[in-house]
């Protein structure tokens, strides 16, 4: 499988959380997420790399103080804590 076709994965590699998605796989995510939403038809991706750069720019845009990627990770962290993930403990507040 070519790198551009790799599916979305997240793993820990050498102490680093790595999120990977191939450019073509990302374009399929674009098609799947747009179809049936605000736009009624599937978008035509005319340049996969330009489309991927556009999504990356949105993920990392810090104009509002937090990037979309920060927000996604924060939501996943909150879900992990609420779900009782191993390795995380939340002490009772002093006022409880």
PDB file of N, CA and C in Angstrom:
ATOM      1  N   UNK A   1       0.850  -1.176   0.000  1.00  0.00           N
ATOM      2  CA  UNK A   1       0.000   0.000   0.000  1.00  0.00           C
ATOM      3  C   UNK A   1       0.896   1.239   0.000  1.00  0.00           C
ATOM      4  N   UNK A   2       0.588   2.163  -0.863  1.00  0.00           N
ATOM      5  CA  UNK A   2       1.340   3.418  -0.931  1.00  0.00           C
ATOM      6  C   UNK A   2       1.021   4.275   0.291  1.00  0.00           C
ATOM      7  N   UNK A   3       1.979   5.079   0.730  1.00  0.00           N
ATOM      8  CA  UNK A   3       1.771   5.940   1.901  1.00  0.00           C
ATOM      9  C   UNK A   3       0.527   6.808   1.759  1.00  0.00           C
ATOM     10  N   UNK A   4       0.256   7.308   0.560  1.00  0.00           N
ATOM     11  CA  UNK A   4      -0.888   8.212   0.391  1.00  0.00           C
ATOM     12  C   UNK A   4      -2.224   7.512   0.596  1.00  0.00           C
ATOM     13  N   UNK A   5      -2.213   6.178   0.600  1.00  0.00           N
ATOM     14  CA  UNK A   5      -3.437   5.401   0.786  1.00  0.00           C
ATOM     15  C   UNK A   5      -3.622   4.899   2.221  1.00  0.00           C
ATOM     16  N   UNK A   6      -2.670   5.205   3.113  1.00  0.00           N
ATOM     17  CA  UNK A   6      -2.751   4.706   4.488  1.00  0.00           C
ATOM     18  C   UNK A   6      -3.994   5.240   5.187  1.00  0.00           C
ATOM     19  N   UNK A   7      -4.706   4.382   5.921  1.00  0.00           N
ATOM     20  CA  UNK A   7      -5.904   4.830   6.646  1.00  0.00           C
ATOM     21  C   UNK A   7      -5.520   5.663   7.860  1.00  0.00           C
ATOM     22  N   UNK A   8      -6.497   6.316   8.435  1.00  0.00           N
ATOM     23  CA  UNK A   8      -6.301   7.097   9.644  1.00  0.00           C
ATOM     24  C   UNK A   8      -5.929   6.162  10.790  1.00  0.00           C
ATOM     25  N   UNK A   9      -4.790   6.439  11.429  1.00  0.00           N
ATOM     26  CA  UNK A   9      -4.349   5.659  12.583  1.00  0.00           C
ATOM     27  C   UNK A   9      -3.797   6.611  13.642  1.00  0.00           C
ATOM     28  N   UNK A  10      -3.821   6.170  14.866  1.00  0.00           N
ATOM     29  CA  UNK A  10      -3.207   6.897  15.970  1.00  0.00           C
ATOM     30  C   UNK A  10      -2.501   5.865  16.832  1.00  0.00           C
ATOM     31  N   UNK A  11      -1.252   6.147  17.166  1.00  0.00           N
ATOM     32  CA  UNK A  11      -0.477   5.204  17.967  1.00  0.00           C
ATOM     33  C   UNK A  11       0.614   5.958  18.718  1.00  0.00           C
ATOM     34  N   UNK A  12       1.237   5.260  19.669  1.00  0.00           N
ATOM     35  CA  UNK A  12       2.373   5.818  20.393  1.00  0.00           C
ATOM     36  C   UNK A  12       3.614   5.152  19.830  1.00  0.00           C
ATOM     37  N   UNK A  13       4.524   5.980  19.317  1.00  0.00           N
ATOM     38  CA  UNK A  13       5.759   5.485  18.717  1.00  0.00           C
ATOM     39  C   UNK A  13       6.920   6.246  19.350  1.00  0.00           C
ATOM     40  N   UNK A  14       7.768   5.542  20.092  1.00  0.00           N
ATOM     41  CA  UNK A  14       8.926   6.184  20.695  1.00  0.00           C
ATOM     42  C   UNK A  14       8.584   7.341  21.613  1.00  0.00           C
ATOM     43  N   UNK A  15       7.501   7.216  22.375  1.00  0.00           N
ATOM     44  CA  UNK A  15       7.114   8.258  23.315  1.00  0.00           C
ATOM     45  C   UNK A  15       6.380   9.427  22.676  1.00  0.00           C
ATOM     46  N   UNK A  16       6.002   9.292  21.413  1.00  0.00           N
ATOM     47  CA  UNK A  16       5.298  10.359  20.697  1.00  0.00           C
ATOM     48  C   UNK A  16       3.965   9.823  20.190  1.00  0.00           C
ATOM     49  N   UNK A  17       2.886  10.550  20.474  1.00  0.00           N
ATOM     50  CA  UNK A  17       1.588  10.191  19.903  1.00  0.00           C
ATOM     51  C   UNK A  17       1.615  10.629  18.444  1.00  0.00           C
ATOM     52  N   UNK A  18       1.392   9.667  17.560  1.00  0.00           N
ATOM     53  CA  UNK A  18       1.468   9.928  16.130  1.00  0.00           C
ATOM     54  C   UNK A  18       0.107   9.660  15.495  1.00  0.00           C
ATOM     55  N   UNK A  19      -0.427  10.667  14.820  1.00  0.00           N
ATOM     56  CA  UNK A  19      -1.674  10.532  14.079  1.00  0.00           C
ATOM     57  C   UNK A  19      -1.296  10.598  12.606  1.00  0.00           C
ATOM     58  N   UNK A  20      -1.661   9.569  11.872  1.00  0.00           N
ATOM     59  CA  UNK A  20      -1.258   9.455  10.476  1.00  0.00           C
ATOM     60  C   UNK A  20      -2.478   9.183   9.612  1.00  0.00           C
ATOM     61  N   UNK A  21      -2.523   9.842   8.468  1.00  0.00           N
ATOM     62  CA  UNK A  21      -3.533   9.527   7.456  1.00  0.00           C
ATOM     63  C   UNK A  21      -2.923   9.858   6.098  1.00  0.00           C
ATOM     64  N   UNK A  22      -3.062   8.945   5.168  1.00  0.00           N
ATOM     65  CA  UNK A  22      -2.575   9.191   3.820  1.00  0.00           C
ATOM     66  C   UNK A  22      -3.396  10.259   3.127  1.00  0.00           C
ATOM     67  N   UNK A  23      -2.795  10.938   2.175  1.00  0.00           N
ATOM     68  CA  UNK A  23      -3.469  12.016   1.462  1.00  0.00           C
ATOM     69  C   UNK A  23      -4.734  11.512   0.766  1.00  0.00           C
ATOM     70  N   UNK A  24      -4.661  10.373   0.103  1.00  0.00           N
ATOM     71  CA  UNK A  24      -5.846   9.834  -0.583  1.00  0.00           C
ATOM     72  C   UNK A  24      -6.923   9.425   0.414  1.00  0.00           C
ATOM     73  N   UNK A  25      -6.515   8.844   1.535  1.00  0.00           N
ATOM     74  CA  UNK A  25      -7.476   8.461   2.564  1.00  0.00           C
ATOM     75  C   UNK A  25      -8.138   9.703   3.160  1.00  0.00           C
ATOM     76  N   UNK A  26      -7.374  10.780   3.344  1.00  0.00           N
ATOM     77  CA  UNK A  26      -7.933  12.029   3.844  1.00  0.00           C
ATOM     78  C   UNK A  26      -8.954  12.586   2.854  1.00  0.00           C
ATOM     79  N   UNK A  27      -8.659  12.478   1.583  1.00  0.00           N
ATOM     80  CA  UNK A  27      -9.610  12.958   0.573  1.00  0.00           C
ATOM     81  C   UNK A  27     -10.903  12.150   0.607  1.00  0.00           C
ATOM     82  N   UNK A  28     -10.811  10.870   0.922  1.00  0.00           N
ATOM     83  CA  UNK A  28     -12.027  10.069   1.057  1.00  0.00           C
ATOM     84  C   UNK A  28     -12.815  10.518   2.283  1.00  0.00           C
ATOM     85  N   UNK A  29     -12.116  10.872   3.352  1.00  0.00           N
ATOM     86  CA  UNK A  29     -12.784  11.406   4.541  1.00  0.00           C
ATOM     87  C   UNK A  29     -13.496  12.713   4.178  1.00  0.00           C
ATOM     88  N   UNK A  30     -12.857  13.559   3.373  1.00  0.00           N
ATOM     89  CA  UNK A  30     -13.488  14.803   2.924  1.00  0.00           C
ATOM     90  C   UNK A  30     -14.772  14.475   2.171  1.00  0.00           C
ATOM     91  N   UNK A  31     -14.688  13.551   1.234  1.00  0.00           N
ATOM     92  CA  UNK A  31     -15.873  13.175   0.446  1.00  0.00           C
ATOM     93  C   UNK A  31     -16.994  12.656   1.353  1.00  0.00           C
ATOM     94  N   UNK A  32     -16.635  11.759   2.262  1.00  0.00           N
ATOM     95  CA  UNK A  32     -17.634  11.141   3.137  1.00  0.00           C
ATOM     96  C   UNK A  32     -18.259  12.155   4.095  1.00  0.00           C
ATOM     97  N   UNK A  33     -17.475  13.107   4.589  1.00  0.00           N
ATOM     98  CA  UNK A  33     -17.994  14.047   5.577  1.00  0.00           C
ATOM     99  C   UNK A  33     -18.809  15.165   4.943  1.00  0.00           C
ATOM    100  N   UNK A  34     -18.537  15.493   3.704  1.00  0.00           N
ATOM    101  CA  UNK A  34     -19.243  16.590   3.045  1.00  0.00           C
ATOM    102  C   UNK A  34     -20.542  16.109   2.406  1.00  0.00           C
ATOM    103  N   UNK A  35     -20.521  14.913   1.859  1.00  0.00           N
ATOM    104  CA  UNK A  35     -21.700  14.373   1.169  1.00  0.00           C
ATOM    105  C   UNK A  35     -22.879  14.286   2.128  1.00  0.00           C
ATOM    106  N   UNK A  36     -23.988  14.858   1.747  1.00  0.00           N
ATOM    107  CA  UNK A  36     -25.201  14.778   2.560  1.00  0.00           C
ATOM    108  C   UNK A  36     -25.275  15.801   3.675  1.00  0.00           C
ATOM    109  N   UNK A  37     -24.227  16.594   3.833  1.00  0.00           N
ATOM    110  CA  UNK A  37     -24.260  17.632   4.855  1.00  0.00           C
ATOM    111  C   UNK A  37     -24.738  18.930   4.243  1.00  0.00           C
ATOM    112  N   UNK A  38     -23.979  19.974   4.465  1.00  0.00           N
ATOM    113  CA  UNK A  38     -24.335  21.283   3.932  1.00  0.00           C
ATOM    114  C   UNK A  38     -24.383  21.246   2.405  1.00  0.00           C
ATOM    115  N   UNK A  39     -23.442  20.518   1.821  1.00  0.00           N
ATOM    116  CA  UNK A  39     -23.416  20.351   0.376  1.00  0.00           C
ATOM    117  C   UNK A  39     -24.152  19.057   0.064  1.00  0.00           C
ATOM    118  N   UNK A  40     -24.993  19.063  -0.936  1.00  0.00           N
ATOM    119  CA  UNK A  40     -25.841  17.911  -1.207  1.00  0.00           C
ATOM    120  C   UNK A  40     -25.145  16.838  -2.019  1.00  0.00           C
ATOM    121  N   UNK A  41     -24.048  17.170  -2.673  1.00  0.00           N
ATOM    122  CA  UNK A  41     -23.365  16.196  -3.513  1.00  0.00           C
ATOM    123  C   UNK A  41     -21.931  16.012  -3.037  1.00  0.00           C
ATOM    124  N   UNK A  42     -21.341  14.930  -3.465  1.00  0.00           N
ATOM    125  CA  UNK A  42     -19.951  14.647  -3.115  1.00  0.00           C
ATOM    126  C   UNK A  42     -19.040  15.625  -3.843  1.00  0.00           C
ATOM    127  N   UNK A  43     -18.068  16.194  -3.145  1.00  0.00           N
ATOM    128  CA  UNK A  43     -17.164  17.139  -3.813  1.00  0.00           C
ATOM    129  C   UNK A  43     -16.214  16.414  -4.769  1.00  0.00           C
ATOM    130  N   UNK A  44     -15.803  17.110  -5.808  1.00  0.00           N
ATOM    131  CA  UNK A  44     -14.779  16.591  -6.707  1.00  0.00           C
ATOM    132  C   UNK A  44     -13.433  17.084  -6.206  1.00  0.00           C
ATOM    133  N   UNK A  45     -12.558  16.168  -5.878  1.00  0.00           N
ATOM    134  CA  UNK A  45     -11.211  16.530  -5.437  1.00  0.00           C
ATOM    135  C   UNK A  45     -10.352  16.585  -6.700  1.00  0.00           C
ATOM    136  N   UNK A  46      -9.931  17.767  -7.077  1.00  0.00           N
ATOM    137  CA  UNK A  46      -9.155  17.933  -8.302  1.00  0.00           C
ATOM    138  C   UNK A  46      -7.650  17.870  -8.051  1.00  0.00           C
ATOM    139  N   UNK A  47      -7.237  18.101  -6.809  1.00  0.00           N
ATOM    140  CA  UNK A  47      -5.817  18.029  -6.444  1.00  0.00           C
ATOM    141  C   UNK A  47      -5.757  17.529  -5.001  1.00  0.00           C
ATOM    142  N   UNK A  48      -5.421  16.256  -4.833  1.00  0.00           N
ATOM    143  CA  UNK A  48      -5.435  15.657  -3.486  1.00  0.00           C
ATOM    144  C   UNK A  48      -4.501  16.373  -2.527  1.00  0.00           C
ATOM    145  N   UNK A  49      -3.321  16.749  -2.984  1.00  0.00           N
ATOM    146  CA  UNK A  49      -2.353  17.379  -2.090  1.00  0.00           C
ATOM    147  C   UNK A  49      -2.797  18.779  -1.682  1.00  0.00           C
ATOM    148  N   UNK A  50      -3.406  19.524  -2.610  1.00  0.00           N
ATOM    149  CA  UNK A  50      -3.931  20.851  -2.266  1.00  0.00           C
ATOM    150  C   UNK A  50      -5.088  20.711  -1.273  1.00  0.00           C
ATOM    151  N   UNK A  51      -5.953  19.732  -1.485  1.00  0.00           N
ATOM    152  CA  UNK A  51      -7.065  19.495  -0.562  1.00  0.00           C
ATOM    153  C   UNK A  51      -6.534  19.137   0.821  1.00  0.00           C
ATOM    154  N   UNK A  52      -5.531  18.280   0.875  1.00  0.00           N
ATOM    155  CA  UNK A  52      -4.938  17.888   2.156  1.00  0.00           C
ATOM    156  C   UNK A  52      -4.303  19.087   2.855  1.00  0.00           C
ATOM    157  N   UNK A  53      -3.625  19.949   2.103  1.00  0.00           N
ATOM    158  CA  UNK A  53      -3.040  21.158   2.698  1.00  0.00           C
ATOM    159  C   UNK A  53      -4.132  22.065   3.265  1.00  0.00           C
ATOM    160  N   UNK A  54      -5.274  22.125   2.590  1.00  0.00           N
ATOM    161  CA  UNK A  54      -6.384  22.932   3.093  1.00  0.00           C
ATOM    162  C   UNK A  54      -6.915  22.411   4.416  1.00  0.00           C
ATOM    163  N   UNK A  55      -7.068  21.096   4.525  1.00  0.00           N
ATOM    164  CA  UNK A  55      -7.532  20.505   5.784  1.00  0.00           C
ATOM    165  C   UNK A  55      -6.480  20.713   6.866  1.00  0.00           C
ATOM    166  N   UNK A  56      -5.211  20.511   6.534  1.00  0.00           N
ATOM    167  CA  UNK A  56      -4.131  20.708   7.504  1.00  0.00           C
ATOM    168  C   UNK A  56      -4.109  22.146   8.009  1.00  0.00           C
ATOM    169  N   UNK A  57      -4.317  23.104   7.115  1.00  0.00           N
ATOM    170  CA  UNK A  57      -4.348  24.510   7.529  1.00  0.00           C
ATOM    171  C   UNK A  57      -5.479  24.748   8.524  1.00  0.00           C
ATOM    172  N   UNK A  58      -6.629  24.131   8.296  1.00  0.00           N
ATOM    173  CA  UNK A  58      -7.752  24.275   9.229  1.00  0.00           C
ATOM    174  C   UNK A  58      -7.467  23.600  10.563  1.00  0.00           C
ATOM    175  N   UNK A  59      -6.785  22.463  10.532  1.00  0.00           N
ATOM    176  CA  UNK A  59      -6.458  21.754  11.767  1.00  0.00           C
ATOM    177  C   UNK A  59      -5.493  22.538  12.640  1.00  0.00           C
ATOM    178  N   UNK A  60      -4.606  23.287  12.027  1.00  0.00           N
ATOM    179  CA  UNK A  60      -3.528  23.935  12.777  1.00  0.00           C
ATOM    180  C   UNK A  60      -3.665  25.449  12.868  1.00  0.00           C
ATOM    181  N   UNK A  61      -4.762  26.012  12.384  1.00  0.00           N
ATOM    182  CA  UNK A  61      -4.981  27.457  12.430  1.00  0.00           C
ATOM    183  C   UNK A  61      -5.171  27.894  13.879  1.00  0.00           C
ATOM    184  N   UNK A  62      -4.363  28.823  14.329  1.00  0.00           N
ATOM    185  CA  UNK A  62      -4.400  29.242  15.729  1.00  0.00           C
ATOM    186  C   UNK A  62      -4.967  30.649  15.909  1.00  0.00           C
ATOM    187  N   UNK A  63      -5.728  31.150  14.943  1.00  0.00           N
ATOM    188  CA  UNK A  63      -6.242  32.514  15.027  1.00  0.00           C
ATOM    189  C   UNK A  63      -7.125  32.738  16.252  1.00  0.00           C
ATOM    190  N   UNK A  64      -7.839  31.690  16.681  1.00  0.00           N
ATOM    191  CA  UNK A  64      -8.749  31.869  17.827  1.00  0.00           C
ATOM    192  C   UNK A  64      -8.107  31.456  19.147  1.00  0.00           C
ATOM    193  N   UNK A  65      -6.836  31.138  19.161  1.00  0.00           N
ATOM    194  CA  UNK A  65      -6.150  30.764  20.397  1.00  0.00           C
ATOM    195  C   UNK A  65      -5.932  29.275  20.537  1.00  0.00           C
ATOM    196  N   UNK A  66      -6.869  28.478  20.096  1.00  0.00           N
ATOM    197  CA  UNK A  66      -6.726  27.026  20.099  1.00  0.00           C
ATOM    198  C   UNK A  66      -6.923  26.532  18.669  1.00  0.00           C
ATOM    199  N   UNK A  67      -6.140  25.555  18.282  1.00  0.00           N
ATOM    200  CA  UNK A  67      -6.339  24.995  16.959  1.00  0.00           C
ATOM    201  C   UNK A  67      -7.431  23.939  17.020  1.00  0.00           C
ATOM    202  N   UNK A  68      -7.968  23.584  15.880  1.00  0.00           N
ATOM    203  CA  UNK A  68      -8.963  22.515  15.841  1.00  0.00           C
ATOM    204  C   UNK A  68      -8.357  21.219  16.345  1.00  0.00           C
ATOM    205  N   UNK A  69      -7.077  21.013  16.068  1.00  0.00           N
ATOM    206  CA  UNK A  69      -6.404  19.808  16.545  1.00  0.00           C
ATOM    207  C   UNK A  69      -6.318  19.814  18.071  1.00  0.00           C
ATOM    208  N   UNK A  70      -6.031  20.973  18.661  1.00  0.00           N
ATOM    209  CA  UNK A  70      -6.044  21.094  20.130  1.00  0.00           C
ATOM    210  C   UNK A  70      -7.406  20.691  20.680  1.00  0.00           C
ATOM    211  N   UNK A  71      -8.464  21.165  20.033  1.00  0.00           N
ATOM    212  CA  UNK A  71      -9.823  20.901  20.498  1.00  0.00           C
ATOM    213  C   UNK A  71     -10.154  19.416  20.380  1.00  0.00           C
ATOM    214  N   UNK A  72      -9.762  18.782  19.272  1.00  0.00           N
ATOM    215  CA  UNK A  72     -10.015  17.347  19.084  1.00  0.00           C
ATOM    216  C   UNK A  72      -9.302  16.541  20.170  1.00  0.00           C
ATOM    217  N   UNK A  73      -8.052  16.876  20.434  1.00  0.00           N
ATOM    218  CA  UNK A  73      -7.288  16.145  21.449  1.00  0.00           C
ATOM    219  C   UNK A  73      -7.870  16.398  22.831  1.00  0.00           C
ATOM    220  N   UNK A  74      -8.266  17.634  23.123  1.00  0.00           N
ATOM    221  CA  UNK A  74      -8.865  17.943  24.428  1.00  0.00           C
ATOM    222  C   UNK A  74     -10.168  17.171  24.623  1.00  0.00           C
ATOM    223  N   UNK A  75     -10.997  17.075  23.591  1.00  0.00           N
ATOM    224  CA  UNK A  75     -12.251  16.319  23.691  1.00  0.00           C
ATOM    225  C   UNK A  75     -11.977  14.828  23.911  1.00  0.00           C
ATOM    226  N   UNK A  76     -10.971  14.292  23.220  1.00  0.00           N
ATOM    227  CA  UNK A  76     -10.618  12.882  23.405  1.00  0.00           C
ATOM    228  C   UNK A  76     -10.077  12.648  24.822  1.00  0.00           C
ATOM    229  N   UNK A  77      -9.286  13.593  25.334  1.00  0.00           N
ATOM    230  CA  UNK A  77      -8.758  13.477  26.694  1.00  0.00           C
ATOM    231  C   UNK A  77      -9.891  13.495  27.714  1.00  0.00           C
ATOM    232  N   UNK A  78     -10.846  14.393  27.521  1.00  0.00           N
ATOM    233  CA  UNK A  78     -12.006  14.474  28.426  1.00  0.00           C
ATOM    234  C   UNK A  78     -12.788  13.161  28.402  1.00  0.00           C
ATOM    235  N   UNK A  79     -13.003  12.612  27.214  1.00  0.00           N
ATOM    236  CA  UNK A  79     -13.728  11.340  27.093  1.00  0.00           C
ATOM    237  C   UNK A  79     -12.962  10.213  27.782  1.00  0.00           C
ATOM    238  N   UNK A  80     -11.627  10.232  27.680  1.00  0.00           N
ATOM    239  CA  UNK A  80     -10.812   9.203  28.324  1.00  0.00           C
ATOM    240  C   UNK A  80     -10.955   9.282  29.843  1.00  0.00           C
ATOM    241  N   UNK A  81     -10.906  10.491  30.389  1.00  0.00           N
ATOM    242  CA  UNK A  81     -11.053  10.672  31.838  1.00  0.00           C
ATOM    243  C   UNK A  81     -12.449  10.235  32.280  1.00  0.00           C
ATOM    244  N   UNK A  82     -13.470  10.696  31.573  1.00  0.00           N
ATOM    245  CA  UNK A  82     -14.848  10.342  31.926  1.00  0.00           C
ATOM    246  C   UNK A  82     -15.104   8.847  31.794  1.00  0.00           C
ATOM    247  N   UNK A  83     -14.380   8.201  30.877  1.00  0.00           N
ATOM    248  CA  UNK A  83     -14.541   6.768  30.668  1.00  0.00           C
ATOM    249  C   UNK A  83     -13.698   5.915  31.594  1.00  0.00           C
ATOM    250  N   UNK A  84     -12.933   6.549  32.475  1.00  0.00           N
ATOM    251  CA  UNK A  84     -12.130   5.791  33.434  1.00  0.00           C
ATOM    252  C   UNK A  84     -10.909   5.137  32.826  1.00  0.00           C
ATOM    253  N   UNK A  85     -10.274   5.805  31.876  1.00  0.00           N
ATOM    254  CA  UNK A  85      -9.099   5.234  31.216  1.00  0.00           C
ATOM    255  C   UNK A  85      -8.004   4.898  32.221  1.00  0.00           C
ATOM    256  N   UNK A  86      -7.325   3.794  31.972  1.00  0.00           N
ATOM    257  CA  UNK A  86      -6.181   3.418  32.796  1.00  0.00           C
ATOM    258  C   UNK A  86      -5.140   4.530  32.753  1.00  0.00           C
ATOM    259  N   UNK A  87      -4.439   4.707  33.873  1.00  0.00           N
ATOM    260  CA  UNK A  87      -3.347   5.668  33.937  1.00  0.00           C
ATOM    261  C   UNK A  87      -3.771   7.084  34.269  1.00  0.00           C
ATOM    262  N   UNK A  88      -5.061   7.304  34.497  1.00  0.00           N
ATOM    263  CA  UNK A  88      -5.564   8.640  34.833  1.00  0.00           C
ATOM    264  C   UNK A  88      -6.405   8.527  36.096  1.00  0.00           C
ATOM    265  N   UNK A  89      -6.084   9.341  37.084  1.00  0.00           N
ATOM    266  CA  UNK A  89      -6.935   9.393  38.271  1.00  0.00           C
ATOM    267  C   UNK A  89      -7.260  10.853  38.553  1.00  0.00           C
ATOM    268  N   UNK A  90      -8.467  11.087  38.968  1.00  0.00           N
ATOM    269  CA  UNK A  90      -8.911  12.443  39.286  1.00  0.00           C
ATOM    270  C   UNK A  90      -9.263  12.468  40.765  1.00  0.00           C
ATOM    271  N   UNK A  91      -8.511  13.218  41.574  1.00  0.00           N
ATOM    272  CA  UNK A  91      -8.805  13.263  42.999  1.00  0.00           C
ATOM    273  C   UNK A  91     -10.113  13.987  43.278  1.00  0.00           C
ATOM    274  N   UNK A  92     -10.730  13.629  44.375  1.00  0.00           N
ATOM    275  CA  UNK A  92     -11.944  14.317  44.807  1.00  0.00           C
ATOM    276  C   UNK A  92     -11.575  15.753  45.152  1.00  0.00           C
ATOM    277  N   UNK A  93     -12.446  16.696  44.835  1.00  0.00           N
ATOM    278  CA  UNK A  93     -12.146  18.072  45.224  1.00  0.00           C
ATOM    279  C   UNK A  93     -12.184  18.240  46.738  1.00  0.00           C
ATOM    280  N   UNK A  94     -11.459  19.229  47.249  1.00  0.00           N
ATOM    281  CA  UNK A  94     -11.394  19.469  48.695  1.00  0.00           C
ATOM    282  C   UNK A  94     -12.756  19.776  49.285  1.00  0.00           C
ATOM    283  N   UNK A  95     -13.647  20.373  48.536  1.00  0.00           N
ATOM    284  CA  UNK A  95     -14.947  20.781  49.041  1.00  0.00           C
ATOM    285  C   UNK A  95     -15.988  19.665  48.994  1.00  0.00           C
ATOM    286  N   UNK A  96     -15.611  18.496  48.457  1.00  0.00           N
ATOM    287  CA  UNK A  96     -16.584  17.404  48.327  1.00  0.00           C
ATOM    288  C   UNK A  96     -16.824  16.707  49.644  1.00  0.00           C
TER     289      UNK A  96
END
